[in-house]
Amino acid sequence: ANLSTEYFESRQDRYVFFGNATSLSDYFYDLAITLTKISYQLAPQHTLIPSGPDPTTNPVQFRQTAYHALDSFLSNWYARTQTLHTDTIVIPMLQMKQLHIQENERLMEIIMDIIDNNSDYWKNLFITSGYLNFTHEFKKKLGEISTEIDIVCAAPQANSFYKGKGISGAIPAAYTILEKQIHDISLNKDVDMRIHEYVRPGWTYHAKGLWASYKDPETGELLPNVTILGSTNFGRRSMNRDVEAQVLMITDNKKLQKDMAREIKNLLNYTVLVDDETFNKQERLISYRVRFGTFIFQSMF
């Protein structure tokens, strides 16, 4: 989450505290320091000074410098990877496709394949994103996977651009179009998928993540033992344009699994189930202008 006031008062997001995780904090501190080496420095009078080659005037050299900085960072941390004898492991992932760093994208493909190939074990895949602008590859996988799927997204009134001025005011309608595309996948008789919209008066929705749950043989309860959390919302811009950092967490710790199950339940507390009638309501009808704009600019959001 961002550290602005609304995130702590009226915006639903995710927060996970990692205690005594020195290596993890060292990783992200090292990442932050590495990124400063390829970022602008803010000088007095609000002027920007490039730390190296200026990407606006020398983009080729900037990309080379940035790639070498991040490649060195990743190589250093790959070399420090070690086998741990613990009930929970946390794997950091980085996505900077402009520099051909696609850890999140590639690991997501692997995770989805593993879950699909073991659908007799993982009974539910729970995904949440404030903005349902999934990549073509991710949507294709959702249509193929045999595990039941639940997706939570923001209702238009829980979108931070709701009733915005100018072009931004059309963004919730654009996401309605993209959400309808996901809903159409759920209509396939071979796909067990439900979409839920977060609706809470005065609140916006920005939670992002994925959980894979198995059925506890003793209680029959669905318990997540795999989750992804971080900045990515699995969208096109997130995968192709943004700098994203997240972690994959895998755990055998039953208490932690139950905590994650409660997290899912809390997110569902303020949701309504999406069906065909959702998109037939008068307030959800979309103009041709917004439809055209969404088609042209959907890779930007």
C-alpha atoms as a PDB file:
ATOM      1  CA  ALA A   1       0.000   0.000   0.000  1.00  0.00           C
ATOM      2  CA  ASN A   2       0.986   3.614  -0.408  1.00  0.00           C
ATOM      3  CA  LEU A   3       1.518   5.552   2.802  1.00  0.00           C
ATOM      4  CA  SER A   4      -1.088   8.246   2.164  1.00  0.00           C
ATOM      5  CA  THR A   5      -3.757   9.065   4.728  1.00  0.00           C
ATOM      6  CA  GLU A   6      -6.680   7.376   2.958  1.00  0.00           C
ATOM      7  CA  TYR A   7      -4.885   4.008   3.010  1.00  0.00           C
ATOM      8  CA  PHE A   8      -5.069   4.029   6.802  1.00  0.00           C
ATOM      9  CA  GLU A   9      -8.607   5.362   7.049  1.00  0.00           C
ATOM     10  CA  SER A  10     -10.899   4.397   4.179  1.00  0.00           C
ATOM     11  CA  ARG A  11      -9.079   2.230   1.646  1.00  0.00           C
ATOM     12  CA  GLN A  12      -9.052  -1.558   1.861  1.00  0.00           C
ATOM     13  CA  ASP A  13      -5.629  -3.008   1.123  1.00  0.00           C
ATOM     14  CA  ARG A  14      -3.442  -5.838   2.451  1.00  0.00           C
ATOM     15  CA  TYR A  15      -0.857  -5.648   5.209  1.00  0.00           C
ATOM     16  CA  VAL A  16       1.364  -8.534   6.330  1.00  0.00           C
ATOM     17  CA  PHE A  17       3.974  -8.117   9.055  1.00  0.00           C
ATOM     18  CA  PHE A  18       7.148 -10.206   8.798  1.00  0.00           C
ATOM     19  CA  GLY A  19       8.894 -10.348  12.170  1.00  0.00           C
ATOM     20  CA  ASN A  20      12.580 -11.175  12.607  1.00  0.00           C
ATOM     21  CA  ALA A  21      12.979 -11.582   8.840  1.00  0.00           C
ATOM     22  CA  THR A  22      16.410 -10.005   8.516  1.00  0.00           C
ATOM     23  CA  SER A  23      17.228 -11.470   5.109  1.00  0.00           C
ATOM     24  CA  LEU A  24      13.910 -10.301   3.668  1.00  0.00           C
ATOM     25  CA  SER A  25      14.337  -6.751   4.941  1.00  0.00           C
ATOM     26  CA  ASP A  26      17.946  -6.757   3.682  1.00  0.00           C
ATOM     27  CA  TYR A  27      16.704  -7.811   0.241  1.00  0.00           C
ATOM     28  CA  PHE A  28      14.219  -4.959  -0.037  1.00  0.00           C
ATOM     29  CA  TYR A  29      16.644  -2.432   1.421  1.00  0.00           C
ATOM     30  CA  ASP A  30      19.225  -3.516  -1.159  1.00  0.00           C
ATOM     31  CA  LEU A  31      16.557  -3.254  -3.881  1.00  0.00           C
ATOM     32  CA  ALA A  32      15.647   0.287  -2.799  1.00  0.00           C
ATOM     33  CA  ILE A  33      19.306   1.356  -2.824  1.00  0.00           C
ATOM     34  CA  THR A  34      19.783  -0.223  -6.264  1.00  0.00           C
ATOM     35  CA  LEU A  35      16.766   1.620  -7.659  1.00  0.00           C
ATOM     36  CA  THR A  36      18.069   4.956  -6.379  1.00  0.00           C
ATOM     37  CA  LYS A  37      21.106   4.461  -8.628  1.00  0.00           C
ATOM     38  CA  ILE A  38      18.858   4.581 -11.706  1.00  0.00           C
ATOM     39  CA  SER A  39      16.396   7.181 -10.416  1.00  0.00           C
ATOM     40  CA  TYR A  40      16.224  10.951 -10.552  1.00  0.00           C
ATOM     41  CA  GLN A  41      17.476  12.817  -7.489  1.00  0.00           C
ATOM     42  CA  LEU A  42      15.234  15.635  -6.274  1.00  0.00           C
ATOM     43  CA  ALA A  43      17.318  18.799  -5.906  1.00  0.00           C
ATOM     44  CA  PRO A  44      16.405  22.216  -4.440  1.00  0.00           C
ATOM     45  CA  GLN A  45      13.856  24.234  -6.415  1.00  0.00           C
ATOM     46  CA  HIS A  46      12.225  20.887  -7.300  1.00  0.00           C
ATOM     47  CA  THR A  47      14.633  20.137 -10.133  1.00  0.00           C
ATOM     48  CA  LEU A  48      15.419  16.554 -11.121  1.00  0.00           C
ATOM     49  CA  ILE A  49      18.976  15.328 -11.559  1.00  0.00           C
ATOM     50  CA  PRO A  50      19.547  11.907 -13.186  1.00  0.00           C
ATOM     51  CA  SER A  51      21.790   9.536 -11.203  1.00  0.00           C
ATOM     52  CA  GLY A  52      23.280   8.218 -14.447  1.00  0.00           C
ATOM     53  CA  PRO A  53      22.314   8.343 -18.113  1.00  0.00           C
ATOM     54  CA  ASP A  54      19.151  10.421 -18.553  1.00  0.00           C
ATOM     55  CA  PRO A  55      16.374   8.132 -19.860  1.00  0.00           C
ATOM     56  CA  THR A  56      14.732  11.030 -21.722  1.00  0.00           C
ATOM     57  CA  THR A  57      17.845  11.946 -23.726  1.00  0.00           C
ATOM     58  CA  ASN A  58      19.833   8.706 -23.733  1.00  0.00           C
ATOM     59  CA  PRO A  59      17.335   5.851 -23.347  1.00  0.00           C
ATOM     60  CA  VAL A  60      19.576   3.122 -24.798  1.00  0.00           C
ATOM     61  CA  GLN A  61      22.435   3.762 -22.395  1.00  0.00           C
ATOM     62  CA  PHE A  62      19.969   4.185 -19.528  1.00  0.00           C
ATOM     63  CA  ARG A  63      18.453   0.754 -20.194  1.00  0.00           C
ATOM     64  CA  GLN A  64      21.915  -0.814 -20.324  1.00  0.00           C
ATOM     65  CA  THR A  65      22.948   0.829 -17.054  1.00  0.00           C
ATOM     66  CA  ALA A  66      19.660  -0.072 -15.358  1.00  0.00           C
ATOM     67  CA  TYR A  67      19.794  -3.675 -16.561  1.00  0.00           C
ATOM     68  CA  HIS A  68      23.344  -4.189 -15.293  1.00  0.00           C
ATOM     69  CA  ALA A  69      22.445  -2.671 -11.907  1.00  0.00           C
ATOM     70  CA  LEU A  70      19.399  -4.908 -11.455  1.00  0.00           C
ATOM     71  CA  ASP A  71      21.108  -7.979 -12.915  1.00  0.00           C
ATOM     72  CA  SER A  72      23.956  -7.559 -10.423  1.00  0.00           C
ATOM     73  CA  PHE A  73      21.424  -7.157  -7.600  1.00  0.00           C
ATOM     74  CA  LEU A  74      19.558 -10.331  -8.574  1.00  0.00           C
ATOM     75  CA  SER A  75      22.720 -12.380  -9.162  1.00  0.00           C
ATOM     76  CA  ASN A  76      23.975 -11.435  -5.711  1.00  0.00           C
ATOM     77  CA  TRP A  77      20.751 -12.540  -4.057  1.00  0.00           C
ATOM     78  CA  TYR A  78      20.442 -15.731  -6.116  1.00  0.00           C
ATOM     79  CA  ALA A  79      23.911 -16.675  -4.845  1.00  0.00           C
ATOM     80  CA  ARG A  80      22.756 -16.133  -1.252  1.00  0.00           C
ATOM     81  CA  THR A  81      19.780 -18.487  -1.563  1.00  0.00           C
ATOM     82  CA  GLN A  82      19.935 -21.354   0.906  1.00  0.00           C
ATOM     83  CA  THR A  83      17.866 -24.339   1.955  1.00  0.00           C
ATOM     84  CA  LEU A  84      15.826 -23.588   5.061  1.00  0.00           C
ATOM     85  CA  HIS A  85      14.323 -26.086   7.487  1.00  0.00           C
ATOM     86  CA  THR A  86      11.247 -24.131   8.492  1.00  0.00           C
ATOM     87  CA  ASP A  87       7.473 -24.342   8.194  1.00  0.00           C
ATOM     88  CA  THR A  88       7.239 -21.147   6.112  1.00  0.00           C
ATOM     89  CA  ILE A  89       9.290 -19.829   3.225  1.00  0.00           C
ATOM     90  CA  VAL A  90       9.074 -16.402   1.597  1.00  0.00           C
ATOM     91  CA  ILE A  91      10.372 -15.840  -1.934  1.00  0.00           C
ATOM     92  CA  PRO A  92      10.711 -12.233  -3.184  1.00  0.00           C
ATOM     93  CA  MET A  93       9.857 -11.532  -6.812  1.00  0.00           C
ATOM     94  CA  LEU A  94      10.601  -8.564  -9.053  1.00  0.00           C
ATOM     95  CA  GLN A  95       8.872  -7.462 -12.268  1.00  0.00           C
ATOM     96  CA  MET A  96      10.520  -4.919 -14.594  1.00  0.00           C
ATOM     97  CA  LYS A  97       9.661  -6.111 -18.065  1.00  0.00           C
ATOM     98  CA  GLN A  98      11.313  -3.108 -19.711  1.00  0.00           C
ATOM     99  CA  LEU A  99      14.615  -4.580 -18.470  1.00  0.00           C
ATOM    100  CA  HIS A 100      13.593  -8.201 -19.216  1.00  0.00           C
ATOM    101  CA  ILE A 101      13.141  -8.956 -15.517  1.00  0.00           C
ATOM    102  CA  GLN A 102       9.960 -11.031 -15.338  1.00  0.00           C
ATOM    103  CA  GLU A 103      10.184 -13.049 -12.125  1.00  0.00           C
ATOM    104  CA  ASN A 104       6.577 -12.432 -11.120  1.00  0.00           C
ATOM    105  CA  GLU A 105       5.167 -13.184 -14.560  1.00  0.00           C
ATOM    106  CA  ARG A 106       7.114 -16.424 -14.945  1.00  0.00           C
ATOM    107  CA  LEU A 107       6.536 -17.641 -11.407  1.00  0.00           C
ATOM    108  CA  MET A 108       2.814 -16.925 -11.759  1.00  0.00           C
ATOM    109  CA  GLU A 109       2.706 -19.215 -14.799  1.00  0.00           C
ATOM    110  CA  ILE A 110       4.477 -21.960 -12.853  1.00  0.00           C
ATOM    111  CA  ILE A 111       2.204 -21.572  -9.819  1.00  0.00           C
ATOM    112  CA  MET A 112      -0.967 -21.653 -11.911  1.00  0.00           C
ATOM    113  CA  ASP A 113       0.229 -24.792 -13.706  1.00  0.00           C
ATOM    114  CA  ILE A 114       1.107 -26.520 -10.424  1.00  0.00           C
ATOM    115  CA  ILE A 115      -2.296 -25.663  -8.920  1.00  0.00           C
ATOM    116  CA  ASP A 116      -4.106 -26.832 -12.046  1.00  0.00           C
ATOM    117  CA  ASN A 117      -2.154 -30.091 -12.187  1.00  0.00           C
ATOM    118  CA  ASN A 118      -2.956 -30.743  -8.524  1.00  0.00           C
ATOM    119  CA  SER A 119      -6.603 -29.688  -8.442  1.00  0.00           C
ATOM    120  CA  ASP A 120      -7.404 -32.765  -6.367  1.00  0.00           C
ATOM    121  CA  TYR A 121      -5.388 -31.107  -3.584  1.00  0.00           C
ATOM    122  CA  TRP A 122      -5.879 -27.360  -4.087  1.00  0.00           C
ATOM    123  CA  LYS A 123      -9.631 -26.862  -4.056  1.00  0.00           C
ATOM    124  CA  ASN A 124      -9.822 -23.080  -4.378  1.00  0.00           C
ATOM    125  CA  LEU A 125      -7.879 -20.271  -6.007  1.00  0.00           C
ATOM    126  CA  PHE A 126      -8.751 -16.866  -4.541  1.00  0.00           C
ATOM    127  CA  ILE A 127      -7.580 -13.781  -6.430  1.00  0.00           C
ATOM    128  CA  THR A 128      -8.111 -10.134  -5.625  1.00  0.00           C
ATOM    129  CA  SER A 129      -7.264  -7.000  -7.552  1.00  0.00           C
ATOM    130  CA  GLY A 130      -8.739  -3.539  -7.425  1.00  0.00           C
ATOM    131  CA  TYR A 131      -8.531  -3.428 -11.201  1.00  0.00           C
ATOM    132  CA  LEU A 132      -9.487  -6.408 -13.365  1.00  0.00           C
ATOM    133  CA  ASN A 133      -7.327  -5.694 -16.384  1.00  0.00           C
ATOM    134  CA  PHE A 134      -5.679  -9.105 -16.508  1.00  0.00           C
ATOM    135  CA  THR A 135      -3.189  -9.989 -19.216  1.00  0.00           C
ATOM    136  CA  HIS A 136      -4.329 -12.175 -22.096  1.00  0.00           C
ATOM    137  CA  GLU A 137      -2.166 -15.039 -20.801  1.00  0.00           C
ATOM    138  CA  PHE A 138      -3.619 -14.819 -17.296  1.00  0.00           C
ATOM    139  CA  LYS A 139      -7.201 -14.752 -18.578  1.00  0.00           C
ATOM    140  CA  LYS A 140      -6.461 -17.760 -20.782  1.00  0.00           C
ATOM    141  CA  LYS A 141      -5.141 -19.688 -17.796  1.00  0.00           C
ATOM    142  CA  LEU A 142      -8.224 -18.777 -15.724  1.00  0.00           C
ATOM    143  CA  GLY A 143     -10.379 -20.262 -18.470  1.00  0.00           C
ATOM    144  CA  GLU A 144      -8.411 -23.506 -18.487  1.00  0.00           C
ATOM    145  CA  ILE A 145      -7.808 -24.202 -14.804  1.00  0.00           C
ATOM    146  CA  SER A 146      -9.981 -26.886 -13.202  1.00  0.00           C
ATOM    147  CA  THR A 147      -9.727 -25.579  -9.613  1.00  0.00           C
ATOM    148  CA  GLU A 148     -12.634 -23.431  -8.397  1.00  0.00           C
ATOM    149  CA  ILE A 149     -11.861 -19.705  -8.593  1.00  0.00           C
ATOM    150  CA  ASP A 150     -13.087 -16.712  -6.610  1.00  0.00           C
ATOM    151  CA  ILE A 151     -12.147 -13.188  -7.704  1.00  0.00           C
ATOM    152  CA  VAL A 152     -12.726  -9.988  -5.716  1.00  0.00           C
ATOM    153  CA  CYS A 153     -12.525  -6.581  -7.396  1.00  0.00           C
ATOM    154  CA  ALA A 154     -13.699  -3.042  -6.726  1.00  0.00           C
ATOM    155  CA  ALA A 155     -17.267  -2.098  -7.565  1.00  0.00           C
ATOM    156  CA  PRO A 156     -17.395   1.177  -9.553  1.00  0.00           C
ATOM    157  CA  GLN A 157     -18.218   3.178  -6.418  1.00  0.00           C
ATOM    158  CA  ALA A 158     -15.210   1.589  -4.633  1.00  0.00           C
ATOM    159  CA  ASN A 159     -12.881   2.618  -7.450  1.00  0.00           C
ATOM    160  CA  SER A 160     -10.648   5.536  -6.469  1.00  0.00           C
ATOM    161  CA  PHE A 161     -11.558   7.307  -9.742  1.00  0.00           C
ATOM    162  CA  TYR A 162     -15.323   7.128  -9.073  1.00  0.00           C
ATOM    163  CA  LYS A 163     -16.962  10.457  -9.960  1.00  0.00           C
ATOM    164  CA  GLY A 164     -13.580  11.840 -10.946  1.00  0.00           C
ATOM    165  CA  LYS A 165     -13.328  14.915 -13.137  1.00  0.00           C
ATOM    166  CA  GLY A 166     -12.616  14.752 -16.843  1.00  0.00           C
ATOM    167  CA  ILE A 167     -11.266  11.574 -18.407  1.00  0.00           C
ATOM    168  CA  SER A 168     -10.504   9.980 -15.031  1.00  0.00           C
ATOM    169  CA  GLY A 169     -14.234   9.836 -14.312  1.00  0.00           C
ATOM    170  CA  ALA A 170     -14.617   7.279 -17.115  1.00  0.00           C
ATOM    171  CA  ILE A 171     -12.078   4.868 -15.619  1.00  0.00           C
ATOM    172  CA  PRO A 172     -14.580   2.920 -13.439  1.00  0.00           C
ATOM    173  CA  ALA A 173     -16.702   2.352 -16.550  1.00  0.00           C
ATOM    174  CA  ALA A 174     -13.621   1.126 -18.416  1.00  0.00           C
ATOM    175  CA  TYR A 175     -12.964  -1.401 -15.672  1.00  0.00           C
ATOM    176  CA  THR A 176     -16.581  -2.549 -15.923  1.00  0.00           C
ATOM    177  CA  ILE A 177     -15.879  -3.492 -19.547  1.00  0.00           C
ATOM    178  CA  LEU A 178     -12.777  -5.430 -18.538  1.00  0.00           C
ATOM    179  CA  GLU A 179     -14.594  -7.093 -15.628  1.00  0.00           C
ATOM    180  CA  LYS A 180     -17.339  -8.213 -18.028  1.00  0.00           C
ATOM    181  CA  GLN A 181     -14.678  -9.990 -20.092  1.00  0.00           C
ATOM    182  CA  ILE A 182     -13.675 -12.006 -17.017  1.00  0.00           C
ATOM    183  CA  HIS A 183     -17.337 -12.661 -16.215  1.00  0.00           C
ATOM    184  CA  ASP A 184     -17.849 -14.038 -19.720  1.00  0.00           C
ATOM    185  CA  ILE A 185     -15.105 -16.588 -19.034  1.00  0.00           C
ATOM    186  CA  SER A 186     -17.026 -17.725 -15.945  1.00  0.00           C
ATOM    187  CA  LEU A 187     -20.061 -18.531 -18.117  1.00  0.00           C
ATOM    188  CA  ASN A 188     -18.174 -21.440 -19.673  1.00  0.00           C
ATOM    189  CA  LYS A 189     -19.705 -24.599 -18.214  1.00  0.00           C
ATOM    190  CA  ASP A 190     -16.231 -26.057 -17.659  1.00  0.00           C
ATOM    191  CA  VAL A 191     -15.105 -23.081 -15.548  1.00  0.00           C
ATOM    192  CA  ASP A 192     -16.016 -22.859 -11.851  1.00  0.00           C
ATOM    193  CA  MET A 193     -15.523 -19.144 -11.254  1.00  0.00           C
ATOM    194  CA  ARG A 194     -17.264 -16.459  -9.215  1.00  0.00           C
ATOM    195  CA  ILE A 195     -16.627 -12.707  -9.231  1.00  0.00           C
ATOM    196  CA  HIS A 196     -17.345 -10.584  -6.152  1.00  0.00           C
ATOM    197  CA  GLU A 197     -17.434  -6.777  -6.072  1.00  0.00           C
ATOM    198  CA  TYR A 198     -16.303  -4.889  -2.984  1.00  0.00           C
ATOM    199  CA  VAL A 199     -18.947  -2.358  -1.934  1.00  0.00           C
ATOM    200  CA  ARG A 200     -18.506  -0.449   1.318  1.00  0.00           C
ATOM    201  CA  PRO A 201     -19.928   3.070   1.732  1.00  0.00           C
ATOM    202  CA  GLY A 202     -17.177   5.663   1.863  1.00  0.00           C
ATOM    203  CA  TRP A 203     -14.411   3.151   1.145  1.00  0.00           C
ATOM    204  CA  THR A 204     -12.262   2.360  -1.899  1.00  0.00           C
ATOM    205  CA  TYR A 205     -10.697  -1.015  -2.680  1.00  0.00           C
ATOM    206  CA  HIS A 206      -7.064  -1.684  -3.516  1.00  0.00           C
ATOM    207  CA  ALA A 207      -6.277  -5.156  -2.132  1.00  0.00           C
ATOM    208  CA  LYS A 208      -4.099  -7.348  -4.338  1.00  0.00           C
ATOM    209  CA  GLY A 209      -3.096 -10.966  -4.021  1.00  0.00           C
ATOM    210  CA  LEU A 210      -3.593 -14.655  -4.658  1.00  0.00           C
ATOM    211  CA  TRP A 211      -4.275 -17.552  -2.285  1.00  0.00           C
ATOM    212  CA  ALA A 212      -4.341 -21.288  -3.042  1.00  0.00           C
ATOM    213  CA  SER A 213      -6.351 -23.300  -0.507  1.00  0.00           C
ATOM    214  CA  TYR A 214      -6.617 -26.988   0.326  1.00  0.00           C
ATOM    215  CA  LYS A 215      -9.406 -28.650   2.289  1.00  0.00           C
ATOM    216  CA  ASP A 216      -8.429 -29.511   5.857  1.00  0.00           C
ATOM    217  CA  PRO A 217      -9.134 -33.269   6.170  1.00  0.00           C
ATOM    218  CA  GLU A 218     -10.108 -32.865   9.831  1.00  0.00           C
ATOM    219  CA  THR A 219     -12.487 -29.890   9.640  1.00  0.00           C
ATOM    220  CA  GLY A 220     -13.311 -29.594   5.928  1.00  0.00           C
ATOM    221  CA  GLU A 221     -12.275 -25.939   6.127  1.00  0.00           C
ATOM    222  CA  LEU A 222     -10.534 -24.311   3.164  1.00  0.00           C
ATOM    223  CA  LEU A 223      -7.085 -23.221   4.329  1.00  0.00           C
ATOM    224  CA  PRO A 224      -4.624 -21.249   2.168  1.00  0.00           C
ATOM    225  CA  ASN A 225      -1.039 -22.496   2.277  1.00  0.00           C
ATOM    226  CA  VAL A 226       0.210 -20.455  -0.693  1.00  0.00           C
ATOM    227  CA  THR A 227      -0.176 -16.714  -1.169  1.00  0.00           C
ATOM    228  CA  ILE A 228       1.267 -13.928  -3.287  1.00  0.00           C
ATOM    229  CA  LEU A 229       1.270 -10.418  -1.859  1.00  0.00           C
ATOM    230  CA  GLY A 230       2.829  -7.151  -2.889  1.00  0.00           C
ATOM    231  CA  SER A 231       2.351  -4.349  -5.343  1.00  0.00           C
ATOM    232  CA  THR A 232       1.218  -6.204  -8.458  1.00  0.00           C
ATOM    233  CA  ASN A 233      -2.471  -6.309  -9.375  1.00  0.00           C
ATOM    234  CA  PHE A 234      -1.916  -8.874 -12.175  1.00  0.00           C
ATOM    235  CA  GLY A 235      -2.947  -6.267 -14.759  1.00  0.00           C
ATOM    236  CA  ARG A 236      -1.446  -5.371 -18.117  1.00  0.00           C
ATOM    237  CA  ARG A 237       0.276  -2.213 -16.956  1.00  0.00           C
ATOM    238  CA  SER A 238       1.466  -3.963 -13.820  1.00  0.00           C
ATOM    239  CA  MET A 239       3.100  -6.746 -15.819  1.00  0.00           C
ATOM    240  CA  ASN A 240       4.373  -4.734 -18.779  1.00  0.00           C
ATOM    241  CA  ARG A 241       5.080  -1.162 -17.668  1.00  0.00           C
ATOM    242  CA  ASP A 242       5.450  -0.836 -13.899  1.00  0.00           C
ATOM    243  CA  VAL A 243       8.179  -1.702 -11.425  1.00  0.00           C
ATOM    244  CA  GLU A 244       6.574  -4.273  -9.130  1.00  0.00           C
ATOM    245  CA  ALA A 245       7.831  -6.123  -6.058  1.00  0.00           C
ATOM    246  CA  GLN A 246       6.008  -8.904  -4.286  1.00  0.00           C
ATOM    247  CA  VAL A 247       6.598 -12.122  -2.368  1.00  0.00           C
ATOM    248  CA  LEU A 248       5.446 -15.716  -2.672  1.00  0.00           C
ATOM    249  CA  MET A 249       4.754 -17.271   0.728  1.00  0.00           C
ATOM    250  CA  ILE A 250       4.339 -21.018   1.239  1.00  0.00           C
ATOM    251  CA  THR A 251       3.507 -22.333   4.697  1.00  0.00           C
ATOM    252  CA  ASP A 252       2.719 -25.516   6.615  1.00  0.00           C
ATOM    253  CA  ASN A 253       1.990 -23.472   9.742  1.00  0.00           C
ATOM    254  CA  LYS A 254      -1.658 -24.164  10.604  1.00  0.00           C
ATOM    255  CA  LYS A 255      -2.073 -20.959  12.629  1.00  0.00           C
ATOM    256  CA  LEU A 256      -0.794 -18.861   9.727  1.00  0.00           C
ATOM    257  CA  GLN A 257      -3.072 -20.733   7.333  1.00  0.00           C
ATOM    258  CA  LYS A 258      -6.073 -19.938   9.533  1.00  0.00           C
ATOM    259  CA  ASP A 259      -5.004 -16.285   9.723  1.00  0.00           C
ATOM    260  CA  MET A 260      -4.959 -16.154   5.915  1.00  0.00           C
ATOM    261  CA  ALA A 261      -8.375 -17.832   5.763  1.00  0.00           C
ATOM    262  CA  ARG A 262      -9.707 -15.081   8.051  1.00  0.00           C
ATOM    263  CA  GLU A 263      -8.124 -12.479   5.782  1.00  0.00           C
ATOM    264  CA  ILE A 264     -10.092 -13.875   2.834  1.00  0.00           C
ATOM    265  CA  LYS A 265     -13.286 -13.923   4.898  1.00  0.00           C
ATOM    266  CA  ASN A 266     -12.768 -10.295   5.926  1.00  0.00           C
ATOM    267  CA  LEU A 267     -12.353  -9.236   2.297  1.00  0.00           C
ATOM    268  CA  LEU A 268     -15.583 -11.028   1.372  1.00  0.00           C
ATOM    269  CA  ASN A 269     -17.556  -9.351   4.176  1.00  0.00           C
ATOM    270  CA  TYR A 270     -18.274  -6.287   2.033  1.00  0.00           C
ATOM    271  CA  THR A 271     -18.796  -7.943  -1.342  1.00  0.00           C
ATOM    272  CA  VAL A 272     -21.719  -8.769  -3.587  1.00  0.00           C
ATOM    273  CA  LEU A 273     -21.761 -11.586  -6.109  1.00  0.00           C
ATOM    274  CA  VAL A 274     -21.609 -10.588  -9.772  1.00  0.00           C
ATOM    275  CA  ASP A 275     -24.072 -12.057 -12.278  1.00  0.00           C
ATOM    276  CA  ASP A 276     -25.507 -11.163 -15.687  1.00  0.00           C
ATOM    277  CA  GLU A 277     -27.880  -8.632 -14.139  1.00  0.00           C
ATOM    278  CA  THR A 278     -24.936  -6.701 -12.703  1.00  0.00           C
ATOM    279  CA  PHE A 279     -23.979  -5.518 -16.183  1.00  0.00           C
ATOM    280  CA  ASN A 280     -27.572  -4.862 -17.287  1.00  0.00           C
ATOM    281  CA  LYS A 281     -28.196  -2.178 -14.669  1.00  0.00           C
ATOM    282  CA  GLN A 282     -28.713   1.335 -16.019  1.00  0.00           C
ATOM    283  CA  GLU A 283     -25.683   2.717 -14.166  1.00  0.00           C
ATOM    284  CA  ARG A 284     -23.456   0.029 -15.704  1.00  0.00           C
ATOM    285  CA  LEU A 285     -24.306   0.777 -19.337  1.00  0.00           C
ATOM    286  CA  ILE A 286     -21.191   1.978 -21.156  1.00  0.00           C
ATOM    287  CA  SER A 287     -21.004   4.555 -23.946  1.00  0.00           C
ATOM    288  CA  TYR A 288     -19.328   3.706 -27.257  1.00  0.00           C
ATOM    289  CA  ARG A 289     -16.781   6.454 -26.590  1.00  0.00           C
ATOM    290  CA  VAL A 290     -15.630   4.762 -23.371  1.00  0.00           C
ATOM    291  CA  ARG A 291     -15.616   1.368 -25.084  1.00  0.00           C
ATOM    292  CA  PHE A 292     -13.402   2.701 -27.851  1.00  0.00           C
ATOM    293  CA  GLY A 293     -11.083   4.447 -25.400  1.00  0.00           C
ATOM    294  CA  THR A 294     -10.775   1.287 -23.315  1.00  0.00           C
ATOM    295  CA  PHE A 295      -9.836  -0.749 -26.379  1.00  0.00           C
ATOM    296  CA  ILE A 296      -7.138   1.750 -27.377  1.00  0.00           C
ATOM    297  CA  PHE A 297      -5.636   2.498 -23.962  1.00  0.00           C
ATOM    298  CA  GLN A 298      -6.218  -0.666 -21.916  1.00  0.00           C
ATOM    299  CA  SER A 299      -2.483  -1.417 -21.737  1.00  0.00           C
ATOM    300  CA  MET A 300      -2.040   1.847 -19.807  1.00  0.00           C
ATOM    301  CA  PHE A 301      -4.132   0.880 -16.755  1.00  0.00           C
END
